[in-house]
Amino acid sequence: MANRPLPALRTLAPMPELRAGAAPVVRPDSSAQATPLVQASTLLGTRQSVDIEYKGQRYRLQTTKAGKLILTK
């Protein structure tokens, strides 16, 4: 097996839309529409969990003590 040099790494230009507090940038794409954003608090309200039905299956969306979201079947 011959040793080949690794390809050069490309340097990425800074992405201002990823700065903390920056508004998200949505660029229109002719092949796909932007995914709508729904706040988890809209689904959960003051509850710790909600059941969601999708294609006849029931899922549970819940928050953890650490503030993470878990979706289980």
PDB file of N, CA and C in Angstrom:
ATOM      1  N   MET A   1       0.841  -1.181   0.000  1.00  0.00           N
ATOM      2  CA  MET A   1       0.000   0.000   0.000  1.00  0.00           C
ATOM      3  C   MET A   1       0.882   1.240   0.000  1.00  0.00           C
ATOM      4  N   ALA A   2       0.729   2.071  -1.006  1.00  0.00           N
ATOM      5  CA  ALA A   2       1.569   3.259  -1.140  1.00  0.00           C
ATOM      6  C   ALA A   2       1.050   4.375  -0.249  1.00  0.00           C
ATOM      7  N   ASN A   3       1.986   5.114   0.336  1.00  0.00           N
ATOM      8  CA  ASN A   3       1.601   6.269   1.142  1.00  0.00           C
ATOM      9  C   ASN A   3       1.393   7.461   0.229  1.00  0.00           C
ATOM     10  N   ARG A   4       0.178   7.973   0.244  1.00  0.00           N
ATOM     11  CA  ARG A   4      -0.129   9.152  -0.564  1.00  0.00           C
ATOM     12  C   ARG A   4      -0.287  10.341   0.360  1.00  0.00           C
ATOM     13  N   PRO A   5       0.107  11.534  -0.089  1.00  0.00           N
ATOM     14  CA  PRO A   5      -0.077  12.715   0.764  1.00  0.00           C
ATOM     15  C   PRO A   5      -1.571  13.009   0.941  1.00  0.00           C
ATOM     16  N   LEU A   6      -1.907  13.520   2.097  1.00  0.00           N
ATOM     17  CA  LEU A   6      -3.289  13.903   2.371  1.00  0.00           C
ATOM     18  C   LEU A   6      -3.658  15.127   1.557  1.00  0.00           C
ATOM     19  N   PRO A   7      -4.917  15.230   1.135  1.00  0.00           N
ATOM     20  CA  PRO A   7      -5.314  16.428   0.400  1.00  0.00           C
ATOM     21  C   PRO A   7      -5.252  17.655   1.303  1.00  0.00           C
ATOM     22  N   ALA A   8      -4.994  18.790   0.699  1.00  0.00           N
ATOM     23  CA  ALA A   8      -4.910  20.039   1.462  1.00  0.00           C
ATOM     24  C   ALA A   8      -6.276  20.382   2.034  1.00  0.00           C
ATOM     25  N   LEU A   9      -6.285  20.892   3.248  1.00  0.00           N
ATOM     26  CA  LEU A   9      -7.532  21.321   3.875  1.00  0.00           C
ATOM     27  C   LEU A   9      -7.890  22.719   3.392  1.00  0.00           C
ATOM     28  N   ARG A  10      -9.175  22.909   3.168  1.00  0.00           N
ATOM     29  CA  ARG A  10      -9.637  24.233   2.755  1.00  0.00           C
ATOM     30  C   ARG A  10      -9.990  25.037   3.994  1.00  0.00           C
ATOM     31  N   THR A  11      -9.689  26.312   3.969  1.00  0.00           N
ATOM     32  CA  THR A  11     -10.062  27.199   5.060  1.00  0.00           C
ATOM     33  C   THR A  11     -11.421  27.789   4.737  1.00  0.00           C
ATOM     34  N   LEU A  12     -12.328  27.697   5.694  1.00  0.00           N
ATOM     35  CA  LEU A  12     -13.666  28.236   5.493  1.00  0.00           C
ATOM     36  C   LEU A  12     -13.701  29.699   5.887  1.00  0.00           C
ATOM     37  N   ALA A  13     -14.405  30.474   5.110  1.00  0.00           N
ATOM     38  CA  ALA A  13     -14.568  31.891   5.429  1.00  0.00           C
ATOM     39  C   ALA A  13     -15.471  32.021   6.645  1.00  0.00           C
ATOM     40  N   PRO A  14     -15.276  33.043   7.474  1.00  0.00           N
ATOM     41  CA  PRO A  14     -16.144  33.244   8.631  1.00  0.00           C
ATOM     42  C   PRO A  14     -17.594  33.382   8.189  1.00  0.00           C
ATOM     43  N   MET A  15     -18.492  32.827   8.977  1.00  0.00           N
ATOM     44  CA  MET A  15     -19.913  32.879   8.664  1.00  0.00           C
ATOM     45  C   MET A  15     -20.592  33.799   9.668  1.00  0.00           C
ATOM     46  N   PRO A  16     -20.854  35.055   9.308  1.00  0.00           N
ATOM     47  CA  PRO A  16     -21.422  36.001  10.273  1.00  0.00           C
ATOM     48  C   PRO A  16     -22.765  35.554  10.818  1.00  0.00           C
ATOM     49  N   GLU A  17     -23.522  34.738  10.071  1.00  0.00           N
ATOM     50  CA  GLU A  17     -24.827  34.302  10.561  1.00  0.00           C
ATOM     51  C   GLU A  17     -24.718  33.332  11.727  1.00  0.00           C
ATOM     52  N   LEU A  18     -23.521  32.807  12.016  1.00  0.00           N
ATOM     53  CA  LEU A  18     -23.340  31.891  13.125  1.00  0.00           C
ATOM     54  C   LEU A  18     -22.845  32.580  14.390  1.00  0.00           C
ATOM     55  N   ARG A  19     -22.654  33.899  14.344  1.00  0.00           N
ATOM     56  CA  ARG A  19     -22.239  34.625  15.540  1.00  0.00           C
ATOM     57  C   ARG A  19     -23.325  34.530  16.598  1.00  0.00           C
ATOM     58  N   ALA A  20     -22.928  34.559  17.847  1.00  0.00           N
ATOM     59  CA  ALA A  20     -23.901  34.526  18.944  1.00  0.00           C
ATOM     60  C   ALA A  20     -24.827  35.725  18.844  1.00  0.00           C
ATOM     61  N   GLY A  21     -26.110  35.461  18.897  1.00  0.00           N
ATOM     62  CA  GLY A  21     -27.096  36.535  18.866  1.00  0.00           C
ATOM     63  C   GLY A  21     -27.460  37.017  17.471  1.00  0.00           C
ATOM     64  N   ALA A  22     -26.785  36.511  16.447  1.00  0.00           N
ATOM     65  CA  ALA A  22     -27.096  36.951  15.088  1.00  0.00           C
ATOM     66  C   ALA A  22     -28.398  36.308  14.625  1.00  0.00           C
ATOM     67  N   ALA A  23     -29.173  37.043  13.865  1.00  0.00           N
ATOM     68  CA  ALA A  23     -30.419  36.504  13.318  1.00  0.00           C
ATOM     69  C   ALA A  23     -30.086  35.454  12.271  1.00  0.00           C
ATOM     70  N   PRO A  24     -30.839  34.361  12.223  1.00  0.00           N
ATOM     71  CA  PRO A  24     -30.565  33.340  11.217  1.00  0.00           C
ATOM     72  C   PRO A  24     -30.783  33.881   9.803  1.00  0.00           C
ATOM     73  N   VAL A  25     -29.948  33.441   8.912  1.00  0.00           N
ATOM     74  CA  VAL A  25     -30.053  33.861   7.520  1.00  0.00           C
ATOM     75  C   VAL A  25     -30.677  32.727   6.733  1.00  0.00           C
ATOM     76  N   VAL A  26     -31.785  33.000   6.067  1.00  0.00           N
ATOM     77  CA  VAL A  26     -32.441  31.999   5.236  1.00  0.00           C
ATOM     78  C   VAL A  26     -32.265  32.434   3.794  1.00  0.00           C
ATOM     79  N   ARG A  27     -31.571  31.609   3.042  1.00  0.00           N
ATOM     80  CA  ARG A  27     -31.348  31.920   1.634  1.00  0.00           C
ATOM     81  C   ARG A  27     -32.320  31.104   0.804  1.00  0.00           C
ATOM     82  N   PRO A  28     -33.077  31.765  -0.066  1.00  0.00           N
ATOM     83  CA  PRO A  28     -34.026  31.011  -0.885  1.00  0.00           C
ATOM     84  C   PRO A  28     -33.291  30.049  -1.808  1.00  0.00           C
ATOM     85  N   ASP A  29     -33.857  28.873  -1.953  1.00  0.00           N
ATOM     86  CA  ASP A  29     -33.290  27.845  -2.815  1.00  0.00           C
ATOM     87  C   ASP A  29     -34.416  27.375  -3.726  1.00  0.00           C
ATOM     88  N   SER A  30     -34.193  27.378  -5.000  1.00  0.00           N
ATOM     89  CA  SER A  30     -35.261  27.019  -5.932  1.00  0.00           C
ATOM     90  C   SER A  30     -35.658  25.547  -5.813  1.00  0.00           C
ATOM     91  N   SER A  31     -34.768  24.709  -5.268  1.00  0.00           N
ATOM     92  CA  SER A  31     -35.080  23.284  -5.202  1.00  0.00           C
ATOM     93  C   SER A  31     -35.754  22.872  -3.893  1.00  0.00           C
ATOM     94  N   ALA A  32     -35.723  23.725  -2.886  1.00  0.00           N
ATOM     95  CA  ALA A  32     -36.323  23.346  -1.596  1.00  0.00           C
ATOM     96  C   ALA A  32     -36.818  24.594  -0.873  1.00  0.00           C
ATOM     97  N   GLN A  33     -37.851  24.418  -0.073  1.00  0.00           N
ATOM     98  CA  GLN A  33     -38.353  25.516   0.737  1.00  0.00           C
ATOM     99  C   GLN A  33     -37.721  25.430   2.113  1.00  0.00           C
ATOM    100  N   ALA A  34     -37.636  26.583   2.781  1.00  0.00           N
ATOM    101  CA  ALA A  34     -37.081  26.608   4.129  1.00  0.00           C
ATOM    102  C   ALA A  34     -38.002  25.845   5.075  1.00  0.00           C
ATOM    103  N   THR A  35     -37.410  25.128   6.020  1.00  0.00           N
ATOM    104  CA  THR A  35     -38.177  24.385   7.014  1.00  0.00           C
ATOM    105  C   THR A  35     -38.780  25.374   8.004  1.00  0.00           C
ATOM    106  N   PRO A  36     -40.089  25.277   8.272  1.00  0.00           N
ATOM    107  CA  PRO A  36     -40.691  26.197   9.234  1.00  0.00           C
ATOM    108  C   PRO A  36     -40.139  25.956  10.638  1.00  0.00           C
ATOM    109  N   LEU A  37     -40.078  27.015  11.430  1.00  0.00           N
ATOM    110  CA  LEU A  37     -39.573  26.941  12.790  1.00  0.00           C
ATOM    111  C   LEU A  37     -40.735  27.024  13.766  1.00  0.00           C
ATOM    112  N   VAL A  38     -40.834  26.045  14.662  1.00  0.00           N
ATOM    113  CA  VAL A  38     -41.856  26.033  15.705  1.00  0.00           C
ATOM    114  C   VAL A  38     -41.126  26.017  17.038  1.00  0.00           C
ATOM    115  N   GLN A  39     -41.438  26.961  17.908  1.00  0.00           N
ATOM    116  CA  GLN A  39     -40.825  26.995  19.229  1.00  0.00           C
ATOM    117  C   GLN A  39     -41.315  25.805  20.054  1.00  0.00           C
ATOM    118  N   ALA A  40     -40.410  25.137  20.762  1.00  0.00           N
ATOM    119  CA  ALA A  40     -40.795  24.014  21.611  1.00  0.00           C
ATOM    120  C   ALA A  40     -41.801  24.462  22.666  1.00  0.00           C
ATOM    121  N   SER A  41     -41.664  25.694  23.131  1.00  0.00           N
ATOM    122  CA  SER A  41     -42.599  26.202  24.145  1.00  0.00           C
ATOM    123  C   SER A  41     -44.016  26.303  23.597  1.00  0.00           C
ATOM    124  N   THR A  42     -44.162  26.439  22.282  1.00  0.00           N
ATOM    125  CA  THR A  42     -45.490  26.444  21.676  1.00  0.00           C
ATOM    126  C   THR A  42     -46.144  25.081  21.818  1.00  0.00           C
ATOM    127  N   LEU A  43     -45.356  24.027  21.673  1.00  0.00           N
ATOM    128  CA  LEU A  43     -45.883  22.672  21.817  1.00  0.00           C
ATOM    129  C   LEU A  43     -46.059  22.282  23.278  1.00  0.00           C
ATOM    130  N   LEU A  44     -45.077  22.635  24.107  1.00  0.00           N
ATOM    131  CA  LEU A  44     -45.082  22.181  25.487  1.00  0.00           C
ATOM    132  C   LEU A  44     -45.866  23.084  26.436  1.00  0.00           C
ATOM    133  N   GLY A  45     -45.867  24.378  26.172  1.00  0.00           N
ATOM    134  CA  GLY A  45     -46.486  25.301  27.121  1.00  0.00           C
ATOM    135  C   GLY A  45     -45.757  25.213  28.450  1.00  0.00           C
ATOM    136  N   THR A  46     -46.491  24.973  29.533  1.00  0.00           N
ATOM    137  CA  THR A  46     -45.872  24.841  30.859  1.00  0.00           C
ATOM    138  C   THR A  46     -45.668  23.380  31.238  1.00  0.00           C
ATOM    139  N   ARG A  47     -46.029  22.460  30.350  1.00  0.00           N
ATOM    140  CA  ARG A  47     -45.920  21.026  30.631  1.00  0.00           C
ATOM    141  C   ARG A  47     -44.492  20.533  30.413  1.00  0.00           C
ATOM    142  N   GLN A  48     -44.169  19.419  31.038  1.00  0.00           N
ATOM    143  CA  GLN A  48     -42.869  18.770  30.853  1.00  0.00           C
ATOM    144  C   GLN A  48     -42.865  17.871  29.624  1.00  0.00           C
ATOM    145  N   SER A  49     -44.053  17.399  29.191  1.00  0.00           N
ATOM    146  CA  SER A  49     -44.108  16.503  28.037  1.00  0.00           C
ATOM    147  C   SER A  49     -45.452  16.638  27.329  1.00  0.00           C
ATOM    148  N   VAL A  50     -45.447  16.285  26.057  1.00  0.00           N
ATOM    149  CA  VAL A  50     -46.670  16.225  25.251  1.00  0.00           C
ATOM    150  C   VAL A  50     -46.585  14.987  24.374  1.00  0.00           C
ATOM    151  N   ASP A  51     -47.738  14.425  24.053  1.00  0.00           N
ATOM    152  CA  ASP A  51     -47.795  13.312  23.117  1.00  0.00           C
ATOM    153  C   ASP A  51     -48.106  13.873  21.738  1.00  0.00           C
ATOM    154  N   ILE A  52     -47.435  13.326  20.730  1.00  0.00           N
ATOM    155  CA  ILE A  52     -47.608  13.752  19.345  1.00  0.00           C
ATOM    156  C   ILE A  52     -47.973  12.518  18.535  1.00  0.00           C
ATOM    157  N   GLU A  53     -49.030  12.627  17.727  1.00  0.00           N
ATOM    158  CA  GLU A  53     -49.394  11.513  16.865  1.00  0.00           C
ATOM    159  C   GLU A  53     -48.904  11.808  15.457  1.00  0.00           C
ATOM    160  N   TYR A  54     -48.237  10.814  14.873  1.00  0.00           N
ATOM    161  CA  TYR A  54     -47.707  10.943  13.518  1.00  0.00           C
ATOM    162  C   TYR A  54     -47.888   9.615  12.799  1.00  0.00           C
ATOM    163  N   LYS A  55     -48.644   9.636  11.718  1.00  0.00           N
ATOM    164  CA  LYS A  55     -48.923   8.435  10.916  1.00  0.00           C
ATOM    165  C   LYS A  55     -49.435   7.283  11.770  1.00  0.00           C
ATOM    166  N   GLY A  56     -50.343   7.597  12.679  1.00  0.00           N
ATOM    167  CA  GLY A  56     -50.945   6.572  13.509  1.00  0.00           C
ATOM    168  C   GLY A  56     -50.085   6.105  14.669  1.00  0.00           C
ATOM    169  N   GLN A  57     -48.901   6.639  14.813  1.00  0.00           N
ATOM    170  CA  GLN A  57     -47.995   6.271  15.907  1.00  0.00           C
ATOM    171  C   GLN A  57     -47.946   7.404  16.927  1.00  0.00           C
ATOM    172  N   ARG A  58     -47.824   7.047  18.194  1.00  0.00           N
ATOM    173  CA  ARG A  58     -47.763   8.050  19.259  1.00  0.00           C
ATOM    174  C   ARG A  58     -46.318   8.214  19.715  1.00  0.00           C
ATOM    175  N   TYR A  59     -45.882   9.466  19.777  1.00  0.00           N
ATOM    176  CA  TYR A  59     -44.547   9.827  20.235  1.00  0.00           C
ATOM    177  C   TYR A  59     -44.685  10.756  21.423  1.00  0.00           C
ATOM    178  N   ARG A  60     -43.676  10.786  22.277  1.00  0.00           N
ATOM    179  CA  ARG A  60     -43.675  11.696  23.413  1.00  0.00           C
ATOM    180  C   ARG A  60     -42.480  12.634  23.288  1.00  0.00           C
ATOM    181  N   LEU A  61     -42.755  13.936  23.346  1.00  0.00           N
ATOM    182  CA  LEU A  61     -41.723  14.969  23.371  1.00  0.00           C
ATOM    183  C   LEU A  61     -41.643  15.458  24.804  1.00  0.00           C
ATOM    184  N   GLN A  62     -40.455  15.359  25.399  1.00  0.00           N
ATOM    185  CA  GLN A  62     -40.330  15.768  26.797  1.00  0.00           C
ATOM    186  C   GLN A  62     -39.036  16.534  27.028  1.00  0.00           C
ATOM    187  N   THR A  63     -39.034  17.333  28.081  1.00  0.00           N
ATOM    188  CA  THR A  63     -37.839  18.077  28.462  1.00  0.00           C
ATOM    189  C   THR A  63     -37.159  17.357  29.621  1.00  0.00           C
ATOM    190  N   THR A  64     -35.854  17.486  29.679  1.00  0.00           N
ATOM    191  CA  THR A  64     -35.091  16.915  30.786  1.00  0.00           C
ATOM    192  C   THR A  64     -34.810  18.013  31.805  1.00  0.00           C
ATOM    193  N   LYS A  65     -34.283  17.609  32.944  1.00  0.00           N
ATOM    194  CA  LYS A  65     -33.898  18.587  33.971  1.00  0.00           C
ATOM    195  C   LYS A  65     -32.804  19.506  33.465  1.00  0.00           C
ATOM    196  N   ALA A  66     -32.012  19.002  32.519  1.00  0.00           N
ATOM    197  CA  ALA A  66     -30.911  19.788  31.955  1.00  0.00           C
ATOM    198  C   ALA A  66     -31.387  20.708  30.824  1.00  0.00           C
ATOM    199  N   GLY A  67     -32.702  20.686  30.516  1.00  0.00           N
ATOM    200  CA  GLY A  67     -33.219  21.571  29.478  1.00  0.00           C
ATOM    201  C   GLY A  67     -33.096  21.029  28.074  1.00  0.00           C
ATOM    202  N   LYS A  68     -32.820  19.752  27.932  1.00  0.00           N
ATOM    203  CA  LYS A  68     -32.733  19.122  26.605  1.00  0.00           C
ATOM    204  C   LYS A  68     -34.099  18.567  26.223  1.00  0.00           C
ATOM    205  N   LEU A  69     -34.271  18.284  24.936  1.00  0.00           N
ATOM    206  CA  LEU A  69     -35.507  17.677  24.443  1.00  0.00           C
ATOM    207  C   LEU A  69     -35.255  16.223  24.077  1.00  0.00           C
ATOM    208  N   ILE A  70     -36.239  15.370  24.382  1.00  0.00           N
ATOM    209  CA  ILE A  70     -36.166  13.960  24.021  1.00  0.00           C
ATOM    210  C   ILE A  70     -37.471  13.604  23.303  1.00  0.00           C
ATOM    211  N   LEU A  71     -37.344  12.945  22.163  1.00  0.00           N
ATOM    212  CA  LEU A  71     -38.509  12.448  21.439  1.00  0.00           C
ATOM    213  C   LEU A  71     -38.421  10.926  21.451  1.00  0.00           C
ATOM    214  N   THR A  72     -39.438  10.270  22.046  1.00  0.00           N
ATOM    215  CA  THR A  72     -39.441   8.810  22.129  1.00  0.00           C
ATOM    216  C   THR A  72     -40.708   8.257  21.518  1.00  0.00           C
ATOM    217  N   LYS A  73     -40.634   7.029  21.069  1.00  0.00           N
ATOM    218  CA  LYS A  73     -41.796   6.363  20.470  1.00  0.00           C
ATOM    219  C   LYS A  73     -42.501   5.556  21.523  1.00  0.00           C
TER     220      LYS A  73
END
